[in-house]
């Protein structure tokens, strides 16, 4: 087994989710298709609720900002004329959501609606989050060794908490000290990692960031964060240069904490 020794100054382990703790297949084949297949029914069921209207208003604002983009789908305001008016707006929201998802966009408006839909599915017990089998034992071990564990994902904090609260391993959210999403900044921008360190109350070189995306790893490294690239089944392949340059692990069990020796 390859062993990667964690630098002595590291006190925080920052984890990506998709392709790192959780199989990409779970996200691509279960989470995202669920949205496309159920968004119309969800909107029809929850349309009168304030939270749903807030989600729609945020999507409408995003659609206005996107109006210059090719294929952008506008969302009209409700006119209040006739019983078919909500259906017209709902269909526009459905079309907009599917358009954004087809481009793999990560807008806050889209993530917010997705998070609320997943919450309903997880709480109904119709979905459980999958984690690689090495994740939970390793995180428990890190915490016993005095490490703090945080999550940084493009999925909303609410969606992250759902995954950890409704997993195939049960409710494991107590294993995580805190969550960050793109509200703190995008994952390919080094400034985001400085803000995360500041929010946690540590130096950037006290953090080890585990991700499967080399652009994120490079951004973190620019901020003086330690990084390891996680190689998992189904993840995008790495170039020879990336394999040579980055520290690679295929399982969390390959991390060696000097403090736990």
Protein backbone atom coordinates (compact mmCIF):
# COMPACT_ATOMS: atom_id res chain seq x y z
CA UNK A 1 0.00 0.00 0.00
CA UNK A 2 1.27 3.47 -0.90
CA UNK A 3 1.50 5.64 2.20
CA UNK A 4 1.40 9.42 2.07
CA UNK A 5 2.73 11.03 5.23
CA UNK A 6 0.67 14.02 6.38
CA UNK A 7 2.93 17.03 7.15
CA UNK A 8 3.30 17.68 10.88
CA UNK A 9 1.80 21.21 10.68
CA UNK A 10 -1.51 19.89 9.29
CA UNK A 11 -4.38 20.15 11.80
CA UNK A 12 -7.31 20.33 9.33
CA UNK A 13 -8.32 17.93 6.57
CA UNK A 14 -10.54 19.55 3.94
CA UNK A 15 -12.54 17.14 1.76
CA UNK A 16 -14.18 17.41 -1.62
CA UNK A 17 -17.24 15.15 -2.04
CA UNK A 18 -17.86 14.06 -5.65
CA UNK A 19 -15.10 11.68 -6.76
CA UNK A 20 -13.37 11.96 -3.36
CA UNK A 21 -15.69 10.74 -0.56
CA UNK A 22 -18.52 9.70 -2.85
CA UNK A 23 -18.53 7.86 -6.21
CA UNK A 24 -19.08 10.14 -9.20
CA UNK A 25 -21.59 7.51 -10.37
CA UNK A 26 -23.82 8.25 -7.35
CA UNK A 27 -23.89 11.95 -8.25
CA UNK A 28 -24.19 11.49 -12.02
CA UNK A 29 -26.49 8.45 -12.12
CA UNK A 30 -28.70 8.99 -9.06
CA UNK A 31 -28.62 12.55 -7.65
CA UNK A 32 -28.73 14.57 -10.89
CA UNK A 33 -31.19 12.38 -12.84
CA UNK A 34 -33.52 12.55 -9.82
CA UNK A 35 -33.74 16.34 -10.32
CA UNK A 36 -34.57 16.14 -14.03
CA UNK A 37 -37.12 13.38 -13.52
CA UNK A 38 -38.89 15.01 -10.55
CA UNK A 39 -38.51 18.79 -10.86
CA UNK A 40 -41.91 19.34 -12.51
CA UNK A 41 -43.79 17.26 -9.94
CA UNK A 42 -41.85 18.90 -7.09
CA UNK A 43 -42.72 22.41 -8.31
CA UNK A 44 -46.39 21.51 -8.76
CA UNK A 45 -46.56 20.02 -5.25
CA UNK A 46 -44.73 22.87 -3.47
CA UNK A 47 -45.63 25.84 -5.72
CA UNK A 48 -47.64 27.75 -3.10
CA UNK A 49 -44.93 27.43 -0.43
CA UNK A 50 -42.74 30.44 0.34
CA UNK A 51 -39.49 28.45 0.06
CA UNK A 52 -40.41 27.23 -3.42
CA UNK A 53 -41.27 30.77 -4.55
CA UNK A 54 -37.92 32.01 -3.19
CA UNK A 55 -36.17 29.28 -5.21
CA UNK A 56 -38.08 30.30 -8.35
CA UNK A 57 -37.30 34.01 -7.82
CA UNK A 58 -33.59 33.21 -7.50
CA UNK A 59 -33.72 31.13 -10.70
CA UNK A 60 -35.57 33.98 -12.45
CA UNK A 61 -32.84 36.46 -11.44
CA UNK A 62 -30.20 34.03 -12.70
CA UNK A 63 -32.12 33.66 -15.98
CA UNK A 64 -32.07 37.45 -16.40
CA UNK A 65 -28.29 37.48 -15.88
CA UNK A 66 -27.98 34.62 -18.39
CA UNK A 67 -30.12 36.30 -21.08
CA UNK A 68 -27.05 36.95 -23.26
CA UNK A 69 -26.05 33.26 -23.32
CA UNK A 70 -26.81 30.93 -26.23
CA UNK A 71 -29.94 28.87 -25.58
CA UNK A 72 -30.73 30.63 -22.28
CA UNK A 73 -34.26 29.88 -21.04
CA UNK A 74 -36.15 32.89 -19.58
CA UNK A 75 -38.55 32.47 -16.66
CA UNK A 76 -41.56 34.81 -16.96
CA UNK A 77 -43.10 36.44 -13.91
CA UNK A 78 -46.51 35.08 -12.96
CA UNK A 79 -49.15 37.28 -14.55
CA UNK A 80 -51.95 36.04 -12.34
CA UNK A 81 -54.17 35.54 -15.37
CA UNK A 82 -56.04 32.25 -15.37
CA UNK A 83 -55.46 28.83 -13.90
CA UNK A 84 -52.97 27.81 -16.59
CA UNK A 85 -50.55 30.63 -15.68
CA UNK A 86 -48.67 28.71 -12.93
CA UNK A 87 -48.26 25.78 -15.35
CA UNK A 88 -46.67 28.11 -17.91
CA UNK A 89 -44.18 29.43 -15.33
CA UNK A 90 -43.50 25.94 -13.95
CA UNK A 91 -42.68 24.65 -17.43
CA UNK A 92 -40.28 27.57 -17.94
CA UNK A 93 -38.55 26.76 -14.62
CA UNK A 94 -38.30 23.06 -15.63
CA UNK A 95 -36.80 24.03 -19.00
CA UNK A 96 -34.36 26.45 -17.34
CA UNK A 97 -33.21 23.87 -14.77
CA UNK A 98 -32.68 21.23 -17.48
CA UNK A 99 -30.77 23.76 -19.63
CA UNK A 100 -28.48 24.72 -16.73
CA UNK A 101 -27.88 21.07 -15.84
CA UNK A 102 -27.08 20.18 -19.46
CA UNK A 103 -24.20 22.69 -19.23
CA UNK A 104 -23.15 21.36 -15.80
CA UNK A 105 -23.55 24.84 -14.32
CA UNK A 106 -23.06 25.41 -10.61
CA UNK A 107 -25.14 28.55 -10.02
CA UNK A 108 -26.33 29.21 -6.47
CA UNK A 109 -29.94 29.37 -7.73
CA UNK A 110 -29.75 25.90 -9.29
CA UNK A 111 -27.92 24.41 -6.29
CA UNK A 112 -30.53 25.83 -3.89
CA UNK A 113 -33.49 24.20 -5.67
CA UNK A 114 -31.58 20.92 -6.06
CA UNK A 115 -30.75 20.96 -2.34
CA UNK A 116 -34.40 21.40 -1.41
CA UNK A 117 -35.48 18.59 -3.74
CA UNK A 118 -32.84 16.23 -2.38
CA UNK A 119 -33.86 17.12 1.18
CA UNK A 120 -37.41 15.97 0.43
CA UNK A 121 -36.11 12.73 -1.13
CA UNK A 122 -33.65 11.93 1.67
CA UNK A 123 -36.16 12.70 4.41
CA UNK A 124 -38.76 10.50 2.69
CA UNK A 125 -36.19 7.69 2.76
CA UNK A 126 -36.27 7.30 -1.03
CA UNK A 127 -32.54 8.04 -1.33
CA UNK A 128 -29.38 7.33 0.68
CA UNK A 129 -25.93 8.83 0.05
CA UNK A 130 -23.10 6.51 -0.92
CA UNK A 131 -19.56 6.83 0.46
CA UNK A 132 -16.46 4.87 -0.47
CA UNK A 133 -15.90 2.20 2.19
CA UNK A 134 -12.58 3.67 3.37
CA UNK A 135 -14.05 7.13 4.12
CA UNK A 136 -15.88 6.74 7.44
CA UNK A 137 -13.22 4.59 9.21
CA UNK A 138 -10.48 7.02 8.09
CA UNK A 139 -12.38 10.14 9.18
CA UNK A 140 -13.04 8.56 12.61
CA UNK A 141 -9.31 7.81 12.93
CA UNK A 142 -8.33 11.35 11.94
CA UNK A 143 -10.68 12.84 14.50
CA UNK A 144 -9.34 10.52 17.21
CA UNK A 145 -5.87 11.84 16.30
CA UNK A 146 -7.13 15.39 16.94
CA UNK A 147 -7.69 16.47 13.33
CA UNK A 148 -10.54 18.77 12.35
CA UNK A 149 -12.46 17.66 9.24
CA UNK A 150 -14.25 20.11 6.94
CA UNK A 151 -16.09 19.70 3.63
CA UNK A 152 -15.68 21.99 0.60
CA UNK A 153 -17.98 21.17 -2.29
CA UNK A 154 -19.72 23.00 -5.11
CA UNK A 155 -22.97 21.45 -3.80
CA UNK A 156 -24.76 23.69 -1.31
CA UNK A 157 -23.98 23.34 2.41
CA UNK A 158 -27.56 22.15 2.89
CA UNK A 159 -27.08 19.41 0.27
CA UNK A 160 -23.77 18.40 1.87
CA UNK A 161 -25.44 18.04 5.28
CA UNK A 162 -28.15 15.87 3.71
CA UNK A 163 -25.54 13.48 2.30
CA UNK A 164 -23.82 13.10 5.66
CA UNK A 165 -27.12 12.90 7.55
CA UNK A 166 -28.71 10.22 5.32
CA UNK A 167 -25.92 7.91 4.20
CA UNK A 168 -25.63 4.18 3.67
CA UNK A 169 -23.48 4.36 6.85
CA UNK A 170 -26.30 6.08 8.77
CA UNK A 171 -26.15 9.64 10.12
CA UNK A 172 -22.44 10.58 10.04
CA UNK A 173 -22.68 14.37 10.07
CA UNK A 174 -21.13 14.48 13.58
CA UNK A 175 -17.84 13.43 11.93
CA UNK A 176 -17.62 16.82 10.18
CA UNK A 177 -16.62 20.06 11.91
CA UNK A 178 -18.04 22.36 9.22
CA UNK A 179 -19.05 22.85 5.60
CA UNK A 180 -18.13 25.27 2.81
CA UNK A 181 -19.69 25.74 -0.62
CA UNK A 182 -19.17 28.19 -3.49
CA UNK A 183 -20.61 31.05 -1.42
CA UNK A 184 -17.06 31.37 -0.01
CA UNK A 185 -15.67 31.34 -3.56
CA UNK A 186 -15.11 28.96 -6.46
CA UNK A 187 -12.95 25.90 -5.95
CA UNK A 188 -10.54 26.79 -8.78
CA UNK A 189 -9.71 30.17 -7.19
CA UNK A 190 -6.86 30.25 -4.67
CA UNK A 191 -8.50 33.09 -2.70
CA UNK A 192 -11.29 30.67 -1.66
CA UNK A 193 -8.78 28.56 0.28
CA UNK A 194 -7.41 31.63 2.09
CA UNK A 195 -10.97 32.54 3.09
CA UNK A 196 -11.61 28.99 4.33
CA UNK A 197 -8.44 29.08 6.47
CA UNK A 198 -9.48 32.46 7.87
CA UNK A 199 -12.99 31.15 8.62
CA UNK A 200 -11.60 28.06 10.39
CA UNK A 201 -9.04 30.20 12.23
CA UNK A 202 -5.86 28.52 10.99
CA UNK A 203 -3.08 29.14 8.47
CA UNK A 204 -3.45 27.78 4.94
CA UNK A 205 -0.44 25.49 5.55
CA UNK A 206 -2.34 23.85 8.44
CA UNK A 207 -4.80 22.42 5.87
CA UNK A 208 -4.55 19.26 3.76
CA UNK A 209 -7.08 19.35 0.88
CA UNK A 210 -8.18 16.08 -0.75
CA UNK A 211 -9.81 16.40 -4.19
CA UNK A 212 -9.99 14.47 -7.46
CA UNK A 213 -9.81 17.68 -9.57
CA UNK A 214 -6.28 18.88 -10.38
CA UNK A 215 -7.43 22.47 -11.12
CA UNK A 216 -8.77 22.67 -7.58
CA UNK A 217 -5.57 21.12 -6.22
CA UNK A 218 -3.48 23.73 -8.08
CA UNK A 219 -5.62 26.61 -6.75
CA UNK A 220 -5.29 25.30 -3.18
CA UNK A 221 -1.54 24.86 -3.60
CA UNK A 222 -1.22 28.47 -4.77
CA UNK A 223 -2.70 29.47 -1.41
CA UNK A 224 -0.06 27.37 0.39
CA UNK A 225 -2.51 24.56 1.23
CA UNK A 226 -1.15 20.98 1.21
CA UNK A 227 -2.93 18.83 -1.37
CA UNK A 228 -3.34 15.21 -2.42
CA UNK A 229 -5.24 14.15 -5.53
CA UNK A 230 -7.66 11.27 -4.95
CA UNK A 231 -7.83 8.63 -7.68
CA UNK A 232 -11.13 6.73 -7.57
CA UNK A 233 -13.04 4.41 -9.94
CA UNK A 234 -14.99 6.51 -12.45
CA UNK A 235 -12.93 9.69 -11.96
CA UNK A 236 -11.46 11.58 -14.91
CA UNK A 237 -8.02 10.31 -15.92
CA UNK A 238 -4.87 12.25 -15.05
CA UNK A 239 -2.13 13.26 -17.49
CA UNK A 240 1.37 11.83 -16.99
CA UNK A 241 2.51 15.28 -15.84
CA UNK A 242 -0.27 15.44 -13.23
CA UNK A 243 0.57 11.94 -11.99
CA UNK A 244 4.20 12.98 -11.57
CA UNK A 245 3.52 16.38 -10.03
CA UNK A 246 0.79 15.67 -7.47
CA UNK A 247 0.78 13.35 -4.47
CA UNK A 248 -1.83 10.69 -5.31
CA UNK A 249 -3.90 8.40 -3.10
CA UNK A 250 -6.51 5.79 -4.04
CA UNK A 251 -7.93 5.41 -0.52
CA UNK A 252 -8.09 7.57 2.61
CA UNK A 253 -6.41 4.68 4.45
CA UNK A 254 -3.20 5.57 2.57
CA UNK A 255 -2.79 8.76 4.59
CA UNK A 256 -0.34 8.37 7.47
CA UNK A 257 -0.69 10.77 10.40
CA UNK A 258 2.61 11.11 12.27
CA UNK A 259 0.63 12.21 15.34
CA UNK A 260 -1.23 8.87 15.41
CA UNK A 261 1.94 6.75 15.29
